[in-house]
Amino acid sequence: MTPQPTLAPTRLEKILGVVPRILASHAHVIWLLGLGVYLIVLPLCGVAVSAKAELIGGNYTNVTSDIGACIAAGGTLTLVRHSRRRHAELTKLLEELRRKQD
């Protein structure tokens, strides 16, 4: 069995590969939670938020869906990390078994 040639990732693929890490970063999640407090909680408490701020920042649907995207991106990164670790461990075990067989 011949190994498959690996293609070098393009610049766009590299940039898109960074997006989940940015979405799942602590700074982004904290910023979205602050935005949620400003656009959701404060108006419920009677504090006036300008229409311009709501237009720029989004409404509660946008903010909550963004927080959900952050959670999903973080979960995906965790699964990928665990999968890579398991794959490396399995590869190491298989190499040891092949050496013992020979």
C-alpha atoms as a PDB file:
ATOM      1  CA  MET A   1       0.000   0.000   0.000  1.00  0.00           C
ATOM      2  CA  THR A   2       1.494   3.318  -1.066  1.00  0.00           C
ATOM      3  CA  PRO A   3       1.105   6.380   1.139  1.00  0.00           C
ATOM      4  CA  GLN A   4      -1.148   9.123  -0.167  1.00  0.00           C
ATOM      5  CA  PRO A   5       0.632  12.361  -1.060  1.00  0.00           C
ATOM      6  CA  THR A   6      -0.221  15.189   1.278  1.00  0.00           C
ATOM      7  CA  LEU A   7      -1.022  18.549  -0.205  1.00  0.00           C
ATOM      8  CA  ALA A   8       0.242  21.677   1.467  1.00  0.00           C
ATOM      9  CA  PRO A   9      -2.640  23.728   2.826  1.00  0.00           C
ATOM     10  CA  THR A  10      -3.435  26.906   0.944  1.00  0.00           C
ATOM     11  CA  ARG A  11      -3.347  30.319   2.581  1.00  0.00           C
ATOM     12  CA  LEU A  12      -7.166  30.365   2.745  1.00  0.00           C
ATOM     13  CA  GLU A  13      -7.222  26.944   4.441  1.00  0.00           C
ATOM     14  CA  LYS A  14      -4.697  28.171   7.010  1.00  0.00           C
ATOM     15  CA  ILE A  15      -6.787  31.278   7.717  1.00  0.00           C
ATOM     16  CA  LEU A  16      -9.991  29.250   8.004  1.00  0.00           C
ATOM     17  CA  GLY A  17      -8.202  26.839  10.329  1.00  0.00           C
ATOM     18  CA  VAL A  18      -7.644  29.678  12.800  1.00  0.00           C
ATOM     19  CA  VAL A  19     -11.314  30.735  12.924  1.00  0.00           C
ATOM     20  CA  PRO A  20     -12.487  28.062  15.436  1.00  0.00           C
ATOM     21  CA  ARG A  21      -9.631  28.961  17.793  1.00  0.00           C
ATOM     22  CA  ILE A  22     -10.613  32.621  17.652  1.00  0.00           C
ATOM     23  CA  LEU A  23     -14.289  31.844  18.205  1.00  0.00           C
ATOM     24  CA  ALA A  24     -13.537  29.597  21.166  1.00  0.00           C
ATOM     25  CA  SER A  25     -11.046  31.996  22.781  1.00  0.00           C
ATOM     26  CA  HIS A  26     -11.766  33.270  26.267  1.00  0.00           C
ATOM     27  CA  ALA A  27     -11.541  36.872  25.110  1.00  0.00           C
ATOM     28  CA  HIS A  28     -14.205  36.370  22.443  1.00  0.00           C
ATOM     29  CA  VAL A  29     -16.586  34.561  24.791  1.00  0.00           C
ATOM     30  CA  ILE A  30     -16.178  37.236  27.482  1.00  0.00           C
ATOM     31  CA  TRP A  31     -16.732  39.981  24.905  1.00  0.00           C
ATOM     32  CA  LEU A  32     -19.937  38.282  23.713  1.00  0.00           C
ATOM     33  CA  LEU A  33     -21.182  37.826  27.271  1.00  0.00           C
ATOM     34  CA  GLY A  34     -20.563  41.539  27.907  1.00  0.00           C
ATOM     35  CA  LEU A  35     -22.389  42.375  24.707  1.00  0.00           C
ATOM     36  CA  GLY A  36     -25.233  40.137  25.838  1.00  0.00           C
ATOM     37  CA  VAL A  37     -25.472  41.944  29.154  1.00  0.00           C
ATOM     38  CA  TYR A  38     -25.460  45.291  27.364  1.00  0.00           C
ATOM     39  CA  LEU A  39     -28.003  44.365  24.683  1.00  0.00           C
ATOM     40  CA  ILE A  40     -30.224  41.924  26.599  1.00  0.00           C
ATOM     41  CA  VAL A  41     -30.036  42.376  30.370  1.00  0.00           C
ATOM     42  CA  LEU A  42     -29.777  46.166  30.593  1.00  0.00           C
ATOM     43  CA  PRO A  43     -32.875  46.818  28.442  1.00  0.00           C
ATOM     44  CA  LEU A  44     -34.803  44.323  30.586  1.00  0.00           C
ATOM     45  CA  CYS A  45     -33.739  46.328  33.656  1.00  0.00           C
ATOM     46  CA  GLY A  46     -35.031  49.549  32.121  1.00  0.00           C
ATOM     47  CA  VAL A  47     -31.742  51.000  30.875  1.00  0.00           C
ATOM     48  CA  ALA A  48     -32.142  52.576  27.455  1.00  0.00           C
ATOM     49  CA  VAL A  49     -29.875  51.165  24.766  1.00  0.00           C
ATOM     50  CA  SER A  50     -29.726  53.190  21.581  1.00  0.00           C
ATOM     51  CA  ALA A  51     -31.081  51.788  18.356  1.00  0.00           C
ATOM     52  CA  LYS A  52     -27.703  52.438  16.765  1.00  0.00           C
ATOM     53  CA  ALA A  53     -25.975  50.254  19.385  1.00  0.00           C
ATOM     54  CA  GLU A  54     -28.502  47.502  18.776  1.00  0.00           C
ATOM     55  CA  LEU A  55     -28.009  47.810  15.037  1.00  0.00           C
ATOM     56  CA  ILE A  56     -24.232  47.543  15.342  1.00  0.00           C
ATOM     57  CA  GLY A  57     -24.106  45.002  18.177  1.00  0.00           C
ATOM     58  CA  GLY A  58     -27.026  42.890  17.084  1.00  0.00           C
ATOM     59  CA  ASN A  59     -30.019  41.716  18.997  1.00  0.00           C
ATOM     60  CA  TYR A  60     -30.425  38.937  21.541  1.00  0.00           C
ATOM     61  CA  THR A  61     -30.839  36.331  18.803  1.00  0.00           C
ATOM     62  CA  ASN A  62     -27.504  37.250  17.222  1.00  0.00           C
ATOM     63  CA  VAL A  63     -25.668  37.381  20.528  1.00  0.00           C
ATOM     64  CA  THR A  64     -27.018  34.083  21.844  1.00  0.00           C
ATOM     65  CA  SER A  65     -26.345  32.315  18.542  1.00  0.00           C
ATOM     66  CA  ASP A  66     -22.779  33.684  18.560  1.00  0.00           C
ATOM     67  CA  ILE A  67     -22.248  32.334  22.066  1.00  0.00           C
ATOM     68  CA  GLY A  68     -23.582  28.973  20.836  1.00  0.00           C
ATOM     69  CA  ALA A  69     -21.121  29.074  17.933  1.00  0.00           C
ATOM     70  CA  CYS A  70     -18.297  29.694  20.409  1.00  0.00           C
ATOM     71  CA  ILE A  71     -19.355  26.698  22.474  1.00  0.00           C
ATOM     72  CA  ALA A  72     -19.572  24.532  19.359  1.00  0.00           C
ATOM     73  CA  ALA A  73     -16.159  25.686  18.128  1.00  0.00           C
ATOM     74  CA  GLY A  74     -14.611  24.956  21.523  1.00  0.00           C
ATOM     75  CA  GLY A  75     -16.195  21.511  21.581  1.00  0.00           C
ATOM     76  CA  THR A  76     -14.951  20.774  18.097  1.00  0.00           C
ATOM     77  CA  LEU A  77     -11.411  21.850  18.982  1.00  0.00           C
ATOM     78  CA  THR A  78     -11.501  19.619  22.048  1.00  0.00           C
ATOM     79  CA  LEU A  79     -12.695  16.637  20.018  1.00  0.00           C
ATOM     80  CA  VAL A  80     -10.022  17.198  17.368  1.00  0.00           C
ATOM     81  CA  ARG A  81      -7.303  17.480  20.018  1.00  0.00           C
ATOM     82  CA  HIS A  82      -8.432  14.264  21.728  1.00  0.00           C
ATOM     83  CA  SER A  83      -8.699  12.466  18.397  1.00  0.00           C
ATOM     84  CA  ARG A  84      -5.167  13.474  17.414  1.00  0.00           C
ATOM     85  CA  ARG A  85      -3.837  12.362  20.790  1.00  0.00           C
ATOM     86  CA  ARG A  86      -5.581   8.971  20.518  1.00  0.00           C
ATOM     87  CA  HIS A  87      -4.322   8.552  16.959  1.00  0.00           C
ATOM     88  CA  ALA A  88      -0.746   9.262  18.062  1.00  0.00           C
ATOM     89  CA  GLU A  89      -1.051   6.768  20.937  1.00  0.00           C
ATOM     90  CA  LEU A  90      -2.517   4.124  18.651  1.00  0.00           C
ATOM     91  CA  THR A  91       0.215   4.685  16.068  1.00  0.00           C
ATOM     92  CA  LYS A  92       2.846   4.324  18.775  1.00  0.00           C
ATOM     93  CA  LEU A  93       1.277   1.067  20.010  1.00  0.00           C
ATOM     94  CA  LEU A  94       1.079  -0.332  16.491  1.00  0.00           C
ATOM     95  CA  GLU A  95       4.738   0.482  15.870  1.00  0.00           C
ATOM     96  CA  GLU A  96       5.702  -1.306  19.090  1.00  0.00           C
ATOM     97  CA  LEU A  97       3.651  -4.361  18.091  1.00  0.00           C
ATOM     98  CA  ARG A  98       5.280  -4.454  14.640  1.00  0.00           C
ATOM     99  CA  ARG A  99       8.745  -4.271  16.216  1.00  0.00           C
ATOM    100  CA  LYS A 100       7.875  -7.148  18.583  1.00  0.00           C
ATOM    101  CA  GLN A 101       6.555  -9.194  15.664  1.00  0.00           C
ATOM    102  CA  ASP A 102       9.790  -8.861  13.708  1.00  0.00           C
END
